[in-house]
Protein backbone atom coordinates (compact mmCIF):
# COMPACT_ATOMS: atom_id res chain seq x y z
CA UNK A 1 22.95 -25.25 -0.81
CA UNK A 2 25.16 -24.66 2.24
CA UNK A 3 25.74 -28.41 2.53
CA UNK A 4 27.33 -28.53 -0.91
CA UNK A 5 31.10 -28.33 -0.71
CA UNK A 6 32.51 -29.02 -4.15
CA UNK A 7 36.17 -29.94 -4.49
CA UNK A 8 36.36 -29.47 -8.26
CA UNK A 9 37.06 -25.78 -9.05
CA UNK A 10 34.56 -25.79 -11.93
CA UNK A 11 31.83 -27.06 -9.61
CA UNK A 12 32.76 -24.40 -7.04
CA UNK A 13 32.41 -21.75 -9.75
CA UNK A 14 29.03 -23.16 -10.84
CA UNK A 15 27.79 -23.12 -7.25
CA UNK A 16 29.04 -19.56 -6.68
CA UNK A 17 27.37 -18.39 -9.88
CA UNK A 18 24.07 -20.03 -8.98
CA UNK A 19 24.18 -18.64 -5.43
CA UNK A 20 24.75 -15.14 -6.81
CA UNK A 21 21.63 -15.51 -8.96
CA UNK A 22 19.74 -17.06 -6.04
CA UNK A 23 20.54 -14.18 -3.68
CA UNK A 24 19.70 -11.62 -6.37
CA UNK A 25 16.30 -13.28 -6.69
CA UNK A 26 15.88 -13.34 -2.91
CA UNK A 27 16.51 -9.58 -2.77
CA UNK A 28 13.89 -9.06 -5.47
CA UNK A 29 11.41 -10.96 -3.27
CA UNK A 30 12.33 -8.70 -0.33
CA UNK A 31 11.73 -5.67 -2.53
CA UNK A 32 8.40 -7.14 -3.68
CA UNK A 33 7.27 -7.42 -0.05
CA UNK A 34 7.67 -3.63 0.28
CA UNK A 35 5.73 -2.86 -2.93
CA UNK A 36 3.64 -5.84 -4.02
CA UNK A 37 1.79 -5.83 -7.34
CA UNK A 38 0.26 -8.46 -9.59
CA UNK A 39 2.60 -7.52 -12.45
CA UNK A 40 5.73 -7.87 -10.30
CA UNK A 41 4.42 -11.17 -8.89
CA UNK A 42 4.05 -12.58 -12.41
CA UNK A 43 7.59 -11.48 -13.30
CA UNK A 44 8.94 -13.12 -10.14
CA UNK A 45 7.13 -16.39 -10.93
CA UNK A 46 8.75 -16.42 -14.37
CA UNK A 47 12.15 -15.65 -12.87
CA UNK A 48 11.67 -18.46 -10.34
CA UNK A 49 10.91 -20.92 -13.14
CA UNK A 50 13.95 -19.76 -15.09
CA UNK A 51 16.30 -19.84 -12.08
CA UNK A 52 15.16 -23.23 -10.83
CA UNK A 53 15.29 -24.80 -14.29
CA UNK A 54 19.03 -24.14 -14.42
CA UNK A 55 21.18 -27.11 -15.34
CA UNK A 56 24.81 -26.62 -14.32
CA UNK A 57 26.38 -30.00 -15.02
CA UNK A 58 27.27 -30.25 -11.32
CA UNK A 59 25.03 -33.17 -10.38
CA UNK A 60 24.58 -32.42 -6.67
CA UNK A 61 23.74 -28.78 -7.37
CA UNK A 62 21.33 -29.77 -10.15
CA UNK A 63 19.56 -32.17 -7.76
CA UNK A 64 19.28 -29.43 -5.10
CA UNK A 65 17.90 -26.97 -7.68
CA UNK A 66 15.33 -29.56 -8.81
CA UNK A 67 14.23 -30.13 -5.17
CA UNK A 68 13.78 -26.39 -4.69
CA UNK A 69 11.66 -26.15 -7.83
CA UNK A 70 9.35 -28.86 -6.49
CA UNK A 71 8.66 -26.60 -3.49
CA UNK A 72 7.64 -23.67 -5.70
CA UNK A 73 4.13 -23.25 -4.26
CA UNK A 74 5.30 -22.92 -0.66
CA UNK A 75 8.41 -20.90 -1.55
CA UNK A 76 6.36 -18.34 -3.48
CA UNK A 77 3.51 -17.93 -0.97
CA UNK A 78 4.98 -14.51 -0.28
CA UNK A 79 3.72 -13.38 -3.68
CA UNK A 80 0.15 -13.98 -2.51
CA UNK A 81 0.77 -12.94 1.11
CA UNK A 82 3.55 -10.30 1.21
CA UNK A 83 3.31 -10.08 5.01
CA UNK A 84 4.82 -13.58 5.34
CA UNK A 85 8.50 -13.79 6.24
CA UNK A 86 10.82 -15.16 3.56
CA UNK A 87 12.64 -17.38 6.03
CA UNK A 88 12.02 -19.23 9.27
CA UNK A 89 15.21 -18.14 11.00
CA UNK A 90 13.26 -16.75 13.98
CA UNK A 91 11.66 -20.14 14.60
CA UNK A 92 14.97 -21.91 14.22
CA UNK A 93 16.65 -19.46 16.59
CA UNK A 94 13.92 -20.09 19.17
CA UNK A 95 14.46 -23.84 18.92
CA UNK A 96 18.22 -23.32 19.14
CA UNK A 97 17.84 -21.44 22.45
CA UNK A 98 15.91 -24.40 23.89
CA UNK A 99 18.53 -26.86 22.65
CA UNK A 100 21.40 -24.76 24.01
CA UNK A 101 19.74 -24.53 27.44
CA UNK A 102 19.11 -28.28 27.44
CA UNK A 103 22.75 -28.99 26.60
CA UNK A 104 24.04 -26.65 29.30
CA UNK A 105 21.69 -27.75 32.07
CA UNK A 106 21.78 -31.48 31.26
CA UNK A 107 17.96 -31.56 31.19
CA UNK A 108 15.55 -31.12 34.05
CA UNK A 109 15.04 -33.65 36.82
CA UNK A 110 11.28 -34.01 36.60
CA UNK A 111 8.25 -32.99 34.56
CA UNK A 112 7.46 -29.97 36.77
CA UNK A 113 10.99 -28.67 36.23
CA UNK A 114 10.57 -29.06 32.47
CA UNK A 115 7.26 -27.17 32.58
CA UNK A 116 8.81 -24.37 34.69
CA UNK A 117 11.80 -24.06 32.36
CA UNK A 118 9.60 -24.05 29.26
CA UNK A 119 7.27 -21.44 30.78
CA UNK A 120 10.15 -19.18 31.77
CA UNK A 121 11.87 -19.48 28.40
CA UNK A 122 8.59 -18.77 26.60
CA UNK A 123 8.03 -15.63 28.69
CA UNK A 124 11.57 -14.44 28.01
CA UNK A 125 11.31 -15.06 24.25
CA UNK A 126 7.86 -13.47 23.98
CA UNK A 127 8.88 -10.42 26.00
CA UNK A 128 11.94 -9.99 23.82
CA UNK A 129 9.86 -10.13 20.62
CA UNK A 130 7.44 -7.56 22.06
CA UNK A 131 10.29 -5.27 23.27
CA UNK A 132 9.24 -5.71 26.91
CA UNK A 133 11.86 -5.70 29.67
CA UNK A 134 11.71 -9.31 30.89
CA UNK A 135 13.08 -8.53 34.35
CA UNK A 136 10.52 -5.76 34.92
CA UNK A 137 7.71 -7.92 33.56
CA UNK A 138 8.51 -10.86 35.86
CA UNK A 139 8.97 -8.52 38.82
CA UNK A 140 5.59 -6.95 38.04
CA UNK A 141 3.92 -10.36 38.02
CA UNK A 142 5.73 -11.81 41.06
CA UNK A 143 5.04 -8.67 43.12
CA UNK A 144 1.38 -8.87 41.97
CA UNK A 145 1.37 -5.18 41.02
CA UNK A 146 0.11 -5.89 37.48
CA UNK A 147 1.07 -2.41 36.32
CA UNK A 148 2.37 -3.71 33.01
CA UNK A 149 0.01 -5.09 30.37
CA UNK A 150 0.00 -8.87 30.00
CA UNK A 151 2.01 -10.37 27.19
CA UNK A 152 -1.17 -11.88 25.75
CA UNK A 153 -2.83 -8.44 25.52
CA UNK A 154 0.28 -7.08 23.79
CA UNK A 155 0.19 -9.98 21.33
CA UNK A 156 -3.50 -9.31 20.60
CA UNK A 157 -2.81 -5.60 20.09
CA UNK A 158 0.06 -6.38 17.73
CA UNK A 159 -2.11 -8.87 15.82
CA UNK A 160 -4.66 -6.12 15.21
CA UNK A 161 -2.06 -4.15 13.29
CA UNK A 162 -1.25 -7.01 10.90
CA UNK A 163 -3.27 -7.19 7.72
CA UNK A 164 -3.41 -10.22 5.49
CA UNK A 165 -3.98 -10.13 1.76
CA UNK A 166 -6.98 -12.42 1.27
CA UNK A 167 -7.38 -11.99 -2.47
């Protein structure tokens, strides 16, 4: 929807109206994640069908709405598994960091350099997600003190706290 940039004022109004409804629906999904129930899930499925059956008369918007409706099953997985995120921004941000580094450094010279860079960036990103001080963690490992728990053990501990709805 961000790629749409209508010139005709009526089309702009149609897009704005649809986006308002879209974001209202998104906020209902966020609320559902906090308090999931079968009844609310059924209501949200009906609202999805209604929202993504909208015909605005703005052809490009109508095509985008139709494409979204075709992805209904994957877009509404959160109704079955409320612990799933509603967006993949974290993944995209991680990829963006790699791309930014590549652009700044003009790539690595050899395969070992690429592996070292990838390893370091992975450690930094993982430590950040686990709220671990990256500098202290690397110092702990380089000095061979091993006073801090490994990132893998922290990931395993965090995974133990996540529950998945398997019904």
